[in-house]
């Protein structure tokens, strides 16, 4: 890696390439490894040539030629290059003006959101804006690496098509054919893509700041939180004894029996505790009759499998009399009664082919 750093400084003394901050990821990121290996082998700067250098391409007479089909891949890479460049130029212009070009959506619910203080809302809005701007800056860094990698891939591809050329002669040919693809890609990209010239000075950020409706309408704060579930529960127990003695007794009994069972905090009654110790089940006795999802899936699959096998036997003996056919169906149903969780299935499975049935049970 030290030798590569010396080579890099010879090629790029101004440190304009994006790879300097990514050298530590050589062993862990295959794209970084590809970039470094290519530039170490080619010893060519992955930068777009000037317009003058592109025009001078016509004065070079190559000793070898590429096939027209060879230009498909490298021209595709270059059109992708210009698409990334167009993205980066607009993003950079927006970033310099602190304009967010997207508005993130969060699936994050805060209880009693209407009662949050304005300082919390303001800090959350600032954090959202900072997130957008930081994401845009990281995208700019990544896009620069992306474009340099595309150029290196083109150089490496052209080199593989030019067997027999060495050193300066090889580099001149690589740049020659690369410049042809660059010019063609720039023409096609400008002509076919919807390239817009955006006036960022007239644009506003897309980041929105969320505040409760009563603050937007400049009304008074709500007198109670918007919690429909809690309110409906409160309405139910107003008919109960709400004296301090009764409530305190209930609270002590409830809080004294709290346990974490199956990832849930529940108050376990004495009867449920006995069932729990005896049967190793949850605190709810009725759950003993309801198998969990994995049990149901296993039972359903086993029942279906046996049912399909029975139906297959029926298909093979379709010329036998109806009593034999009924016997097969009866066996299928009687076998189902032995399962702990019988499930009713929709009719029509008998129309499936044996191949479809076998593939159905393949993982």
Foldseek 3Di string as FASTA:
>chain_A
DVVLVVLCCVQPVVPPALLPVVPVCCPPDVLNVLLSVLCVVLVHFLDDDDPVVLVCLVVDDAPDDDDPVLLPLLLVLLLVLVVLVLVLVVLVVCLVVLAQPDADDDPDDDFLQLPDDPVVLVVVLVVRSVVRSVVSVVSNSVSSSSSSSSSSVQLVSQLVVDPPDDDPSSVSSSVSVSSVSNVVSVVCSVVPPPRDDDDSVPDHHPYDRDHDPCVVVVHDGDPDGPDVVVVVVVVVCPPDDPDPVVVVVVVCQQVVQWDQDPNDTGRADPVLVVCCVVVVDHSDVVCVLPDDPVLVVVLVVVLVVLLVVLLVVCVVPVVDDPVVSVVSVVVSVVVQVPDSDRDDDDPDPSPDDPVVVVVVPDD
